[in-house]
Amino acid sequence: MTLQQNVPRAVEAGLWFDDGNIILVAEDTPFKVHRSMLSQRSEVLSNILSVPQPPTPDESDLLDGIPVVHVSDTWKEISYVLLAFYQGYKLFGDGKPISFTVVSAFLRLGHKYEIPELQQSAISRLQTCFPVRLSDFKNAKTCDENPEDGYLHFEPPLIHMRLEEVPGVINLARAYDLLSLLPSAFYLCSFLPTRTLIDGSQDEDGNQLLLSKSDITACIDGHITLMQEDIVTISSMSGKIAPTCPSKSCLIAELFLPTKMDWISVVKESGGSLDHASWLDSNMVDICRYCKAELKTRWDRHRARTWILLCDTFGIGDTPEGWGL
């Protein structure tokens, strides 16, 4: 496919300017943009564009009579960066949700081309959604509601991403030394089916997301540990009643002992070990408010302990600075 055939793709993306004076090409997709814009935003790009052109360039070095410069990135990645240059705040301003593919491109290309504002934007969003404090870790796997659309619904909603894309966060954290992201990212990855972890997944642009063998093992082992701890916690609730129970009829032993594995299933489906005990609102729970509050208190202690020990659970290593509740 010739460059000319892919011009409509650039036009549709809003990255083909009639007065452009440089053609930036990624994966056979040409973007007609402005040399001054690229040079002002990135010293690396400025250096690339400043390489002297041969006196009589070949036809392959020109498109519409304008010099062509090839880059090794995907055309979608480059389009995200160029759109940030031209329409930055309008599309990607602070507080506006953006897809994980954009965040990933900002971090990787921001690093590669030394564009600090893009790199910092990506890091800030990732650190907000994958925080060091439990009270800030708010998403579909920790809140009272657990949407079934596959998206994580972070709060604040800075990154729009599916659970299957979280392995990409682990890979970015490893590559760019953002180790504080790892504990919560591993926790979310523990919800993925084992087959997905082994075979890998894809982001919304079709890029392959595959963990290292050691990280796959850590996810699987961590999932088993979390499940075991949940079982121990639920078992410890058996046969207990709240001291303030007015009727003394809320025998939690009757609630848990016969259906313990059913309860484990309910807990995992609701959000797992870090869920705000939303499973207590299940139709299966028919106990007084005093006993329910007692259960909630015990689960909150379990939840806090789970968070504090996440690094140990997944074998991550040193606990990140500021890690806590």
C-alpha atoms as a PDB file:
ATOM      1  CA  MET A   1       0.000   0.000   0.000  1.00  0.00           C
ATOM      2  CA  THR A   2       1.411   3.414  -0.984  1.00  0.00           C
ATOM      3  CA  LEU A   3       1.597   6.406   1.330  1.00  0.00           C
ATOM      4  CA  GLN A   4      -0.905   8.272  -0.826  1.00  0.00           C
ATOM      5  CA  GLN A   5      -3.518   5.574  -0.262  1.00  0.00           C
ATOM      6  CA  ASN A   6      -3.334   6.125   3.502  1.00  0.00           C
ATOM      7  CA  VAL A   7      -3.702   9.906   3.361  1.00  0.00           C
ATOM      8  CA  PRO A   8      -7.482   9.633   4.114  1.00  0.00           C
ATOM      9  CA  ARG A   9      -6.592   8.020   7.440  1.00  0.00           C
ATOM     10  CA  ALA A  10      -4.574  11.101   8.421  1.00  0.00           C
ATOM     11  CA  VAL A  11      -7.282  13.428   7.122  1.00  0.00           C
ATOM     12  CA  GLU A  12      -9.908  11.636   9.211  1.00  0.00           C
ATOM     13  CA  ALA A  13      -7.686  11.943  12.282  1.00  0.00           C
ATOM     14  CA  GLY A  14      -7.371  15.699  11.678  1.00  0.00           C
ATOM     15  CA  LEU A  15      -3.643  15.418  11.080  1.00  0.00           C
ATOM     16  CA  TRP A  16      -3.312  16.452   7.436  1.00  0.00           C
ATOM     17  CA  PHE A  17      -2.755  20.191   7.218  1.00  0.00           C
ATOM     18  CA  ASP A  18      -2.751  21.903   3.825  1.00  0.00           C
ATOM     19  CA  ASP A  19       0.026  24.232   4.969  1.00  0.00           C
ATOM     20  CA  GLY A  20       2.078  21.444   6.561  1.00  0.00           C
ATOM     21  CA  ASN A  21       5.719  21.341   5.611  1.00  0.00           C
ATOM     22  CA  ILE A  22       6.834  17.895   6.801  1.00  0.00           C
ATOM     23  CA  ILE A  23       5.401  14.407   6.292  1.00  0.00           C
ATOM     24  CA  LEU A  24       5.776  12.157   9.325  1.00  0.00           C
ATOM     25  CA  VAL A  25       5.225   8.504   8.402  1.00  0.00           C
ATOM     26  CA  ALA A  26       4.405   5.648  10.775  1.00  0.00           C
ATOM     27  CA  GLU A  27       3.417   2.222   9.444  1.00  0.00           C
ATOM     28  CA  ASP A  28       2.846   3.603   5.940  1.00  0.00           C
ATOM     29  CA  THR A  29       0.468   6.255   7.285  1.00  0.00           C
ATOM     30  CA  PRO A  30       1.586   9.811   6.420  1.00  0.00           C
ATOM     31  CA  PHE A  31       0.786  12.826   8.602  1.00  0.00           C
ATOM     32  CA  LYS A  32       1.211  16.238   7.020  1.00  0.00           C
ATOM     33  CA  VAL A  33       2.185  18.442   9.917  1.00  0.00           C
ATOM     34  CA  HIS A  34       4.372  21.404  10.812  1.00  0.00           C
ATOM     35  CA  ARG A  35       8.091  21.133  11.390  1.00  0.00           C
ATOM     36  CA  SER A  36       8.011  24.015  13.886  1.00  0.00           C
ATOM     37  CA  MET A  37       5.327  22.329  15.995  1.00  0.00           C
ATOM     38  CA  LEU A  38       7.305  19.088  16.286  1.00  0.00           C
ATOM     39  CA  SER A  39      10.574  20.914  16.969  1.00  0.00           C
ATOM     40  CA  GLN A  40       9.071  23.064  19.718  1.00  0.00           C
ATOM     41  CA  ARG A  41       7.543  20.121  21.565  1.00  0.00           C
ATOM     42  CA  SER A  42      10.378  17.604  21.328  1.00  0.00           C
ATOM     43  CA  GLU A  43      14.118  18.147  21.138  1.00  0.00           C
ATOM     44  CA  VAL A  44      14.542  14.586  19.894  1.00  0.00           C
ATOM     45  CA  LEU A  45      12.112  15.166  17.020  1.00  0.00           C
ATOM     46  CA  SER A  46      13.809  18.492  16.353  1.00  0.00           C
ATOM     47  CA  ASN A  47      17.129  16.693  15.978  1.00  0.00           C
ATOM     48  CA  ILE A  48      15.583  14.085  13.690  1.00  0.00           C
ATOM     49  CA  LEU A  49      14.069  16.759  11.478  1.00  0.00           C
ATOM     50  CA  SER A  50      17.284  18.792  11.385  1.00  0.00           C
ATOM     51  CA  VAL A  51      19.223  16.054   9.614  1.00  0.00           C
ATOM     52  CA  PRO A  52      20.232  17.654   6.304  1.00  0.00           C
ATOM     53  CA  GLN A  53      18.276  16.453   3.280  1.00  0.00           C
ATOM     54  CA  PRO A  54      20.219  15.283   0.238  1.00  0.00           C
ATOM     55  CA  PRO A  55      20.530  17.907  -2.528  1.00  0.00           C
ATOM     56  CA  THR A  56      18.282  15.953  -4.888  1.00  0.00           C
ATOM     57  CA  PRO A  57      16.087  13.620  -2.822  1.00  0.00           C
ATOM     58  CA  ASP A  58      14.601  10.529  -4.356  1.00  0.00           C
ATOM     59  CA  GLU A  59      10.892  10.428  -5.092  1.00  0.00           C
ATOM     60  CA  SER A  60      10.501   8.082  -2.114  1.00  0.00           C
ATOM     61  CA  ASP A  61      11.718  10.909   0.138  1.00  0.00           C
ATOM     62  CA  LEU A  62       8.945  13.252  -0.994  1.00  0.00           C
ATOM     63  CA  LEU A  63       5.137  13.283  -0.873  1.00  0.00           C
ATOM     64  CA  ASP A  64       3.353  16.150  -2.576  1.00  0.00           C
ATOM     65  CA  GLY A  65       6.799  17.713  -2.906  1.00  0.00           C
ATOM     66  CA  ILE A  66       7.288  17.712   0.880  1.00  0.00           C
ATOM     67  CA  PRO A  67      10.096  15.861   2.695  1.00  0.00           C
ATOM     68  CA  VAL A  68       9.136  12.554   4.334  1.00  0.00           C
ATOM     69  CA  VAL A  69      10.484  11.371   7.694  1.00  0.00           C
ATOM     70  CA  HIS A  70       9.828   7.822   8.872  1.00  0.00           C
ATOM     71  CA  VAL A  71       9.448   6.795  12.520  1.00  0.00           C
ATOM     72  CA  SER A  72       9.291   3.269  13.925  1.00  0.00           C
ATOM     73  CA  ASP A  73       6.165   3.725  16.043  1.00  0.00           C
ATOM     74  CA  THR A  74       2.644   2.568  15.187  1.00  0.00           C
ATOM     75  CA  TRP A  75       0.486   5.045  13.343  1.00  0.00           C
ATOM     76  CA  LYS A  76      -2.047   5.130  16.185  1.00  0.00           C
ATOM     77  CA  GLU A  77       0.637   5.917  18.773  1.00  0.00           C
ATOM     78  CA  ILE A  78       1.990   8.774  16.684  1.00  0.00           C
ATOM     79  CA  SER A  79      -1.526  10.068  16.037  1.00  0.00           C
ATOM     80  CA  TYR A  80      -2.164  10.286  19.804  1.00  0.00           C
ATOM     81  CA  VAL A  81       1.023  12.291  20.299  1.00  0.00           C
ATOM     82  CA  LEU A  82       0.322  14.597  17.366  1.00  0.00           C
ATOM     83  CA  LEU A  83      -3.235  15.182  18.538  1.00  0.00           C
ATOM     84  CA  ALA A  84      -1.845  16.079  21.958  1.00  0.00           C
ATOM     85  CA  PHE A  85       0.424  18.632  20.253  1.00  0.00           C
ATOM     86  CA  TYR A  86      -2.367  20.247  18.258  1.00  0.00           C
ATOM     87  CA  GLN A  87      -5.463  19.780  20.420  1.00  0.00           C
ATOM     88  CA  GLY A  88      -3.926  18.895  23.783  1.00  0.00           C
ATOM     89  CA  TYR A  89      -6.212  20.296  26.459  1.00  0.00           C
ATOM     90  CA  LYS A  90      -9.338  19.954  24.344  1.00  0.00           C
ATOM     91  CA  LEU A  91      -8.882  16.188  24.027  1.00  0.00           C
ATOM     92  CA  PHE A  92      -6.630  15.188  26.888  1.00  0.00           C
ATOM     93  CA  GLY A  93      -6.939  17.933  29.510  1.00  0.00           C
ATOM     94  CA  ASP A  94      -6.641  17.166  33.198  1.00  0.00           C
ATOM     95  CA  GLY A  95      -9.622  15.247  34.490  1.00  0.00           C
ATOM     96  CA  LYS A  96     -10.796  14.053  31.085  1.00  0.00           C
ATOM     97  CA  PRO A  97     -10.872  10.253  30.806  1.00  0.00           C
ATOM     98  CA  ILE A  98      -8.602   8.783  28.147  1.00  0.00           C
ATOM     99  CA  SER A  99      -8.095   5.202  27.050  1.00  0.00           C
ATOM    100  CA  PHE A 100      -5.280   3.046  28.339  1.00  0.00           C
ATOM    101  CA  THR A 101      -3.840   2.901  24.809  1.00  0.00           C
ATOM    102  CA  VAL A 102      -3.396   6.686  24.876  1.00  0.00           C
ATOM    103  CA  VAL A 103      -1.857   6.613  28.356  1.00  0.00           C
ATOM    104  CA  SER A 104       0.555   3.901  27.220  1.00  0.00           C
ATOM    105  CA  ALA A 105       1.521   5.864  24.104  1.00  0.00           C
ATOM    106  CA  PHE A 106       2.062   9.053  26.124  1.00  0.00           C
ATOM    107  CA  LEU A 107       4.359   7.252  28.542  1.00  0.00           C
ATOM    108  CA  ARG A 108       6.390   5.303  25.989  1.00  0.00           C
ATOM    109  CA  LEU A 109       6.676   7.961  23.288  1.00  0.00           C
ATOM    110  CA  GLY A 110       6.973  10.724  25.876  1.00  0.00           C
ATOM    111  CA  HIS A 111      10.037   8.911  27.156  1.00  0.00           C
ATOM    112  CA  LYS A 112      11.398   8.065  23.711  1.00  0.00           C
ATOM    113  CA  TYR A 113      11.051  11.567  22.269  1.00  0.00           C
ATOM    114  CA  GLU A 114      11.684  13.411  25.556  1.00  0.00           C
ATOM    115  CA  ILE A 115       8.268  15.039  25.846  1.00  0.00           C
ATOM    116  CA  PRO A 116       8.008  15.492  29.627  1.00  0.00           C
ATOM    117  CA  GLU A 117       4.452  16.860  29.728  1.00  0.00           C
ATOM    118  CA  LEU A 118       3.085  13.760  27.994  1.00  0.00           C
ATOM    119  CA  GLN A 119       5.163  11.424  30.121  1.00  0.00           C
ATOM    120  CA  GLN A 120       4.090  13.144  33.348  1.00  0.00           C
ATOM    121  CA  SER A 121       0.439  13.154  32.294  1.00  0.00           C
ATOM    122  CA  ALA A 122       0.553   9.391  31.834  1.00  0.00           C
ATOM    123  CA  ILE A 123       2.376   8.792  35.118  1.00  0.00           C
ATOM    124  CA  SER A 124      -0.028  11.007  37.057  1.00  0.00           C
ATOM    125  CA  ARG A 125      -3.059   9.173  35.689  1.00  0.00           C
ATOM    126  CA  LEU A 126      -1.553   5.761  36.377  1.00  0.00           C
ATOM    127  CA  GLN A 127      -0.557   6.683  39.919  1.00  0.00           C
ATOM    128  CA  THR A 128      -4.049   7.996  40.625  1.00  0.00           C
ATOM    129  CA  CYS A 129      -5.760   4.837  39.375  1.00  0.00           C
ATOM    130  CA  PHE A 130      -3.143   2.491  40.880  1.00  0.00           C
ATOM    131  CA  PRO A 131      -2.396   4.318  44.145  1.00  0.00           C
ATOM    132  CA  VAL A 132      -0.345   3.563  47.255  1.00  0.00           C
ATOM    133  CA  ARG A 133      -3.271   4.092  49.647  1.00  0.00           C
ATOM    134  CA  LEU A 134      -6.227   1.754  49.970  1.00  0.00           C
ATOM    135  CA  SER A 135      -8.654   4.649  50.489  1.00  0.00           C
ATOM    136  CA  ASP A 136      -7.722   5.945  47.022  1.00  0.00           C
ATOM    137  CA  PHE A 137      -8.084   2.586  45.244  1.00  0.00           C
ATOM    138  CA  LYS A 138     -11.567   2.984  43.811  1.00  0.00           C
ATOM    139  CA  ASN A 139     -12.750   0.918  40.868  1.00  0.00           C
ATOM    140  CA  ALA A 140     -15.225  -1.754  39.831  1.00  0.00           C
ATOM    141  CA  LYS A 141     -13.424  -4.365  41.951  1.00  0.00           C
ATOM    142  CA  THR A 142     -13.451  -2.378  45.190  1.00  0.00           C
ATOM    143  CA  CYS A 143     -16.663  -0.336  45.175  1.00  0.00           C
ATOM    144  CA  ASP A 144     -20.215  -1.233  46.115  1.00  0.00           C
ATOM    145  CA  GLU A 145     -21.272  -1.672  42.506  1.00  0.00           C
ATOM    146  CA  ASN A 146     -19.516  -4.124  40.205  1.00  0.00           C
ATOM    147  CA  PRO A 147     -20.514  -3.344  36.591  1.00  0.00           C
ATOM    148  CA  GLU A 148     -20.470  -6.286  34.239  1.00  0.00           C
ATOM    149  CA  ASP A 149     -19.253  -4.425  31.134  1.00  0.00           C
ATOM    150  CA  GLY A 150     -15.630  -5.456  31.655  1.00  0.00           C
ATOM    151  CA  TYR A 151     -14.385  -1.923  32.359  1.00  0.00           C
ATOM    152  CA  LEU A 152     -12.773  -0.943  35.643  1.00  0.00           C
ATOM    153  CA  HIS A 153     -14.576   2.386  36.145  1.00  0.00           C
ATOM    154  CA  PHE A 154     -11.817   4.095  38.118  1.00  0.00           C
ATOM    155  CA  GLU A 155     -12.746   6.933  40.426  1.00  0.00           C
ATOM    156  CA  PRO A 156     -11.750   9.550  39.477  1.00  0.00           C
ATOM    157  CA  PRO A 157     -12.277   8.296  35.903  1.00  0.00           C
ATOM    158  CA  LEU A 158      -8.912   9.300  34.477  1.00  0.00           C
ATOM    159  CA  ILE A 159      -8.257   6.087  32.532  1.00  0.00           C
ATOM    160  CA  HIS A 160     -10.856   4.180  30.538  1.00  0.00           C
ATOM    161  CA  MET A 161      -9.660   0.589  30.498  1.00  0.00           C
ATOM    162  CA  ARG A 162     -10.777  -3.022  30.620  1.00  0.00           C
ATOM    163  CA  LEU A 163      -9.597  -5.575  33.135  1.00  0.00           C
ATOM    164  CA  GLU A 164      -7.822  -7.426  30.295  1.00  0.00           C
ATOM    165  CA  GLU A 165      -5.577  -4.387  29.765  1.00  0.00           C
ATOM    166  CA  VAL A 166      -4.125  -4.354  33.299  1.00  0.00           C
ATOM    167  CA  PRO A 167      -1.177  -6.609  32.315  1.00  0.00           C
ATOM    168  CA  GLY A 168      -0.081  -3.636  30.235  1.00  0.00           C
ATOM    169  CA  VAL A 169       0.183  -1.575  33.419  1.00  0.00           C
ATOM    170  CA  ILE A 170       2.495  -4.169  34.973  1.00  0.00           C
ATOM    171  CA  ASN A 171       4.677  -4.125  31.855  1.00  0.00           C
ATOM    172  CA  LEU A 172       4.844  -0.310  31.847  1.00  0.00           C
ATOM    173  CA  ALA A 173       5.663  -0.277  35.564  1.00  0.00           C
ATOM    174  CA  ARG A 174       8.531  -2.700  34.971  1.00  0.00           C
ATOM    175  CA  ALA A 175       9.846  -0.831  31.931  1.00  0.00           C
ATOM    176  CA  TYR A 176       9.754   2.679  33.407  1.00  0.00           C
ATOM    177  CA  ASP A 177      10.504   1.965  37.074  1.00  0.00           C
ATOM    178  CA  LEU A 178       7.010   2.863  38.296  1.00  0.00           C
ATOM    179  CA  LEU A 179       7.048   0.155  40.923  1.00  0.00           C
ATOM    180  CA  SER A 180       4.355   1.722  43.119  1.00  0.00           C
ATOM    181  CA  LEU A 181       1.818   0.664  40.457  1.00  0.00           C
ATOM    182  CA  LEU A 182       2.626  -3.022  40.826  1.00  0.00           C
ATOM    183  CA  PRO A 183       0.732  -4.144  43.964  1.00  0.00           C
ATOM    184  CA  SER A 184      -2.696  -2.888  42.894  1.00  0.00           C
ATOM    185  CA  ALA A 185      -2.086  -3.892  39.274  1.00  0.00           C
ATOM    186  CA  PHE A 186      -1.207  -7.440  40.339  1.00  0.00           C
ATOM    187  CA  TYR A 187      -4.298  -7.515  42.527  1.00  0.00           C
ATOM    188  CA  LEU A 188      -6.532  -6.638  39.573  1.00  0.00           C
ATOM    189  CA  CYS A 189      -4.717  -9.113  37.321  1.00  0.00           C
ATOM    190  CA  SER A 190      -5.560 -11.855  39.821  1.00  0.00           C
ATOM    191  CA  PHE A 191      -9.160 -11.621  38.583  1.00  0.00           C
ATOM    192  CA  LEU A 192      -8.141 -12.651  35.072  1.00  0.00           C
ATOM    193  CA  PRO A 193      -8.651 -16.272  34.021  1.00  0.00           C
ATOM    194  CA  THR A 194      -5.455 -18.319  34.082  1.00  0.00           C
ATOM    195  CA  ARG A 195      -5.735 -18.931  30.335  1.00  0.00           C
ATOM    196  CA  THR A 196      -5.853 -15.176  29.675  1.00  0.00           C
ATOM    197  CA  LEU A 197      -2.730 -14.658  31.778  1.00  0.00           C
ATOM    198  CA  ILE A 198      -0.866 -17.401  29.916  1.00  0.00           C
ATOM    199  CA  ASP A 199      -2.033 -16.589  26.372  1.00  0.00           C
ATOM    200  CA  GLY A 200      -1.993 -12.833  26.831  1.00  0.00           C
ATOM    201  CA  SER A 201      -4.631 -10.253  25.971  1.00  0.00           C
ATOM    202  CA  GLN A 202      -4.935  -7.185  23.746  1.00  0.00           C
ATOM    203  CA  ASP A 203      -5.544  -3.512  24.313  1.00  0.00           C
ATOM    204  CA  GLU A 204      -8.195  -1.600  22.392  1.00  0.00           C
ATOM    205  CA  ASP A 205      -5.777  -0.964  19.519  1.00  0.00           C
ATOM    206  CA  GLY A 206      -4.966  -4.654  19.177  1.00  0.00           C
ATOM    207  CA  ASN A 207      -1.504  -4.482  20.762  1.00  0.00           C
ATOM    208  CA  GLN A 208      -0.482  -7.717  22.479  1.00  0.00           C
ATOM    209  CA  LEU A 209      -0.268  -7.605  26.280  1.00  0.00           C
ATOM    210  CA  LEU A 210       1.748 -10.517  27.616  1.00  0.00           C
ATOM    211  CA  LEU A 211       3.314 -10.770  31.060  1.00  0.00           C
ATOM    212  CA  SER A 212       6.670 -12.360  31.757  1.00  0.00           C
ATOM    213  CA  LYS A 213       6.598 -15.941  33.007  1.00  0.00           C
ATOM    214  CA  SER A 214       7.573 -14.833  36.507  1.00  0.00           C
ATOM    215  CA  ASP A 215       4.775 -12.251  36.630  1.00  0.00           C
ATOM    216  CA  ILE A 216       2.233 -14.803  35.374  1.00  0.00           C
ATOM    217  CA  THR A 217       3.313 -17.129  38.165  1.00  0.00           C
ATOM    218  CA  ALA A 218       3.050 -14.295  40.699  1.00  0.00           C
ATOM    219  CA  CYS A 219      -0.516 -13.528  39.572  1.00  0.00           C
ATOM    220  CA  ILE A 220      -1.617 -17.150  39.852  1.00  0.00           C
ATOM    221  CA  ASP A 221       0.104 -17.755  43.199  1.00  0.00           C
ATOM    222  CA  GLY A 222      -1.234 -14.462  44.552  1.00  0.00           C
ATOM    223  CA  HIS A 223      -4.771 -15.356  43.509  1.00  0.00           C
ATOM    224  CA  ILE A 224      -4.524 -18.643  45.419  1.00  0.00           C
ATOM    225  CA  THR A 225      -3.199 -16.859  48.508  1.00  0.00           C
ATOM    226  CA  LEU A 226      -5.996 -14.290  48.418  1.00  0.00           C
ATOM    227  CA  MET A 227      -8.599 -17.022  48.082  1.00  0.00           C
ATOM    228  CA  GLN A 228      -7.143 -18.896  51.048  1.00  0.00           C
ATOM    229  CA  GLU A 229      -7.151 -15.751  53.188  1.00  0.00           C
ATOM    230  CA  ASP A 230     -10.773 -15.065  52.237  1.00  0.00           C
ATOM    231  CA  ILE A 231     -11.717 -18.581  53.303  1.00  0.00           C
ATOM    232  CA  VAL A 232      -9.931 -18.160  56.649  1.00  0.00           C
ATOM    233  CA  THR A 233     -11.679 -14.835  57.274  1.00  0.00           C
ATOM    234  CA  ILE A 234     -15.130 -16.147  56.404  1.00  0.00           C
ATOM    235  CA  SER A 235     -14.518 -19.244  58.521  1.00  0.00           C
ATOM    236  CA  SER A 236     -13.595 -17.054  61.476  1.00  0.00           C
ATOM    237  CA  MET A 237     -17.039 -15.444  61.253  1.00  0.00           C
ATOM    238  CA  SER A 238     -18.805 -18.758  61.723  1.00  0.00           C
ATOM    239  CA  GLY A 239     -20.768 -19.189  64.914  1.00  0.00           C
ATOM    240  CA  LYS A 240     -20.437 -15.544  65.961  1.00  0.00           C
ATOM    241  CA  ILE A 241     -23.192 -13.049  66.701  1.00  0.00           C
ATOM    242  CA  ALA A 242     -23.076  -9.369  67.519  1.00  0.00           C
ATOM    243  CA  PRO A 243     -23.220  -8.653  71.265  1.00  0.00           C
ATOM    244  CA  THR A 244     -25.980  -6.121  70.588  1.00  0.00           C
ATOM    245  CA  CYS A 245     -28.167  -8.519  68.559  1.00  0.00           C
ATOM    246  CA  PRO A 246     -31.660  -7.999  70.065  1.00  0.00           C
ATOM    247  CA  SER A 247     -33.040 -11.416  69.254  1.00  0.00           C
ATOM    248  CA  LYS A 248     -29.914 -13.575  69.491  1.00  0.00           C
ATOM    249  CA  SER A 249     -31.348 -15.345  66.474  1.00  0.00           C
ATOM    250  CA  CYS A 250     -28.833 -14.276  63.850  1.00  0.00           C
ATOM    251  CA  LEU A 251     -26.719 -17.384  64.122  1.00  0.00           C
ATOM    252  CA  ILE A 252     -23.927 -16.724  61.690  1.00  0.00           C
ATOM    253  CA  ALA A 253     -22.978 -20.368  61.985  1.00  0.00           C
ATOM    254  CA  GLU A 254     -26.244 -21.233  60.252  1.00  0.00           C
ATOM    255  CA  LEU A 255     -25.462 -18.619  57.637  1.00  0.00           C
ATOM    256  CA  PHE A 256     -21.915 -19.655  56.754  1.00  0.00           C
ATOM    257  CA  LEU A 257     -21.112 -23.213  57.696  1.00  0.00           C
ATOM    258  CA  PRO A 258     -23.434 -25.083  55.290  1.00  0.00           C
ATOM    259  CA  THR A 259     -22.680 -22.851  52.307  1.00  0.00           C
ATOM    260  CA  LYS A 260     -19.118 -21.689  52.834  1.00  0.00           C
ATOM    261  CA  MET A 261     -18.004 -22.281  49.257  1.00  0.00           C
ATOM    262  CA  ASP A 262     -21.109 -20.489  47.971  1.00  0.00           C
ATOM    263  CA  TRP A 263     -20.043 -17.497  50.010  1.00  0.00           C
ATOM    264  CA  ILE A 264     -16.515 -17.592  48.620  1.00  0.00           C
ATOM    265  CA  SER A 265     -18.058 -17.427  45.162  1.00  0.00           C
ATOM    266  CA  VAL A 266     -20.256 -14.490  46.172  1.00  0.00           C
ATOM    267  CA  VAL A 267     -17.286 -12.601  47.615  1.00  0.00           C
ATOM    268  CA  LYS A 268     -15.120 -13.098  44.511  1.00  0.00           C
ATOM    269  CA  GLU A 269     -17.912 -12.114  42.141  1.00  0.00           C
ATOM    270  CA  SER A 270     -18.656  -8.988  44.192  1.00  0.00           C
ATOM    271  CA  GLY A 271     -15.098  -7.719  44.009  1.00  0.00           C
ATOM    272  CA  GLY A 272     -12.881  -9.981  46.042  1.00  0.00           C
ATOM    273  CA  SER A 273     -10.715  -9.326  49.060  1.00  0.00           C
ATOM    274  CA  LEU A 274     -10.705  -5.511  48.708  1.00  0.00           C
ATOM    275  CA  ASP A 275     -14.417  -5.135  48.075  1.00  0.00           C
ATOM    276  CA  HIS A 276     -16.298  -2.936  50.563  1.00  0.00           C
ATOM    277  CA  ALA A 277     -18.246  -6.002  51.760  1.00  0.00           C
ATOM    278  CA  SER A 278     -20.950  -5.293  49.209  1.00  0.00           C
ATOM    279  CA  TRP A 279     -21.710  -9.017  49.370  1.00  0.00           C
ATOM    280  CA  LEU A 280     -23.347  -8.336  52.730  1.00  0.00           C
ATOM    281  CA  ASP A 281     -26.189  -6.719  50.813  1.00  0.00           C
ATOM    282  CA  SER A 282     -26.786  -9.950  48.914  1.00  0.00           C
ATOM    283  CA  ASN A 283     -30.204 -11.552  49.162  1.00  0.00           C
ATOM    284  CA  MET A 284     -28.431 -14.461  50.833  1.00  0.00           C
ATOM    285  CA  VAL A 285     -27.813 -12.310  53.920  1.00  0.00           C
ATOM    286  CA  ASP A 286     -30.837 -12.189  56.194  1.00  0.00           C
ATOM    287  CA  ILE A 287     -29.505 -10.954  59.511  1.00  0.00           C
ATOM    288  CA  CYS A 288     -30.135  -7.956  61.717  1.00  0.00           C
ATOM    289  CA  ARG A 289     -28.316  -4.686  61.226  1.00  0.00           C
ATOM    290  CA  TYR A 290     -26.203  -5.240  64.332  1.00  0.00           C
ATOM    291  CA  CYS A 291     -24.848  -8.557  63.107  1.00  0.00           C
ATOM    292  CA  LYS A 292     -24.360  -7.106  59.642  1.00  0.00           C
ATOM    293  CA  ALA A 293     -22.324  -4.245  61.122  1.00  0.00           C
ATOM    294  CA  GLU A 294     -20.252  -6.778  63.067  1.00  0.00           C
ATOM    295  CA  LEU A 295     -19.525  -8.693  59.875  1.00  0.00           C
ATOM    296  CA  LYS A 296     -18.643  -5.460  58.080  1.00  0.00           C
ATOM    297  CA  THR A 297     -16.166  -4.527  60.818  1.00  0.00           C
ATOM    298  CA  ARG A 298     -14.448  -7.901  60.598  1.00  0.00           C
ATOM    299  CA  TRP A 299     -14.315  -7.769  56.829  1.00  0.00           C
ATOM    300  CA  ASP A 300     -12.817  -4.268  56.932  1.00  0.00           C
ATOM    301  CA  ARG A 301      -9.991  -5.587  59.120  1.00  0.00           C
ATOM    302  CA  HIS A 302      -9.416  -8.369  56.599  1.00  0.00           C
ATOM    303  CA  ARG A 303      -9.510  -5.850  53.748  1.00  0.00           C
ATOM    304  CA  ALA A 304      -6.908  -3.615  55.410  1.00  0.00           C
ATOM    305  CA  ARG A 305      -4.606  -6.545  56.137  1.00  0.00           C
ATOM    306  CA  THR A 306      -4.937  -7.763  52.540  1.00  0.00           C
ATOM    307  CA  TRP A 307      -3.860  -4.357  51.204  1.00  0.00           C
ATOM    308  CA  ILE A 308      -0.914  -3.978  53.573  1.00  0.00           C
ATOM    309  CA  LEU A 309       0.394  -7.414  52.566  1.00  0.00           C
ATOM    310  CA  LEU A 310      -0.141  -7.154  48.794  1.00  0.00           C
ATOM    311  CA  CYS A 311       3.578  -6.863  48.078  1.00  0.00           C
ATOM    312  CA  ASP A 312       4.230 -10.082  49.983  1.00  0.00           C
ATOM    313  CA  THR A 313       1.209 -11.784  48.426  1.00  0.00           C
ATOM    314  CA  PHE A 314       2.519 -11.216  44.902  1.00  0.00           C
ATOM    315  CA  GLY A 315       6.223 -11.426  45.704  1.00  0.00           C
ATOM    316  CA  ILE A 316       6.871  -7.899  44.472  1.00  0.00           C
ATOM    317  CA  GLY A 317       9.686  -6.989  46.813  1.00  0.00           C
ATOM    318  CA  ASP A 318      10.060  -3.721  48.697  1.00  0.00           C
ATOM    319  CA  THR A 319       6.871  -1.978  49.780  1.00  0.00           C
ATOM    320  CA  PRO A 320       6.409   1.319  47.861  1.00  0.00           C
ATOM    321  CA  GLU A 321       7.004   4.550  49.739  1.00  0.00           C
ATOM    322  CA  GLY A 322       3.790   5.845  51.304  1.00  0.00           C
ATOM    323  CA  TRP A 323       2.034   2.466  51.154  1.00  0.00           C
ATOM    324  CA  GLY A 324      -0.839   2.334  53.616  1.00  0.00           C
ATOM    325  CA  LEU A 325      -4.548   2.646  54.267  1.00  0.00           C
END
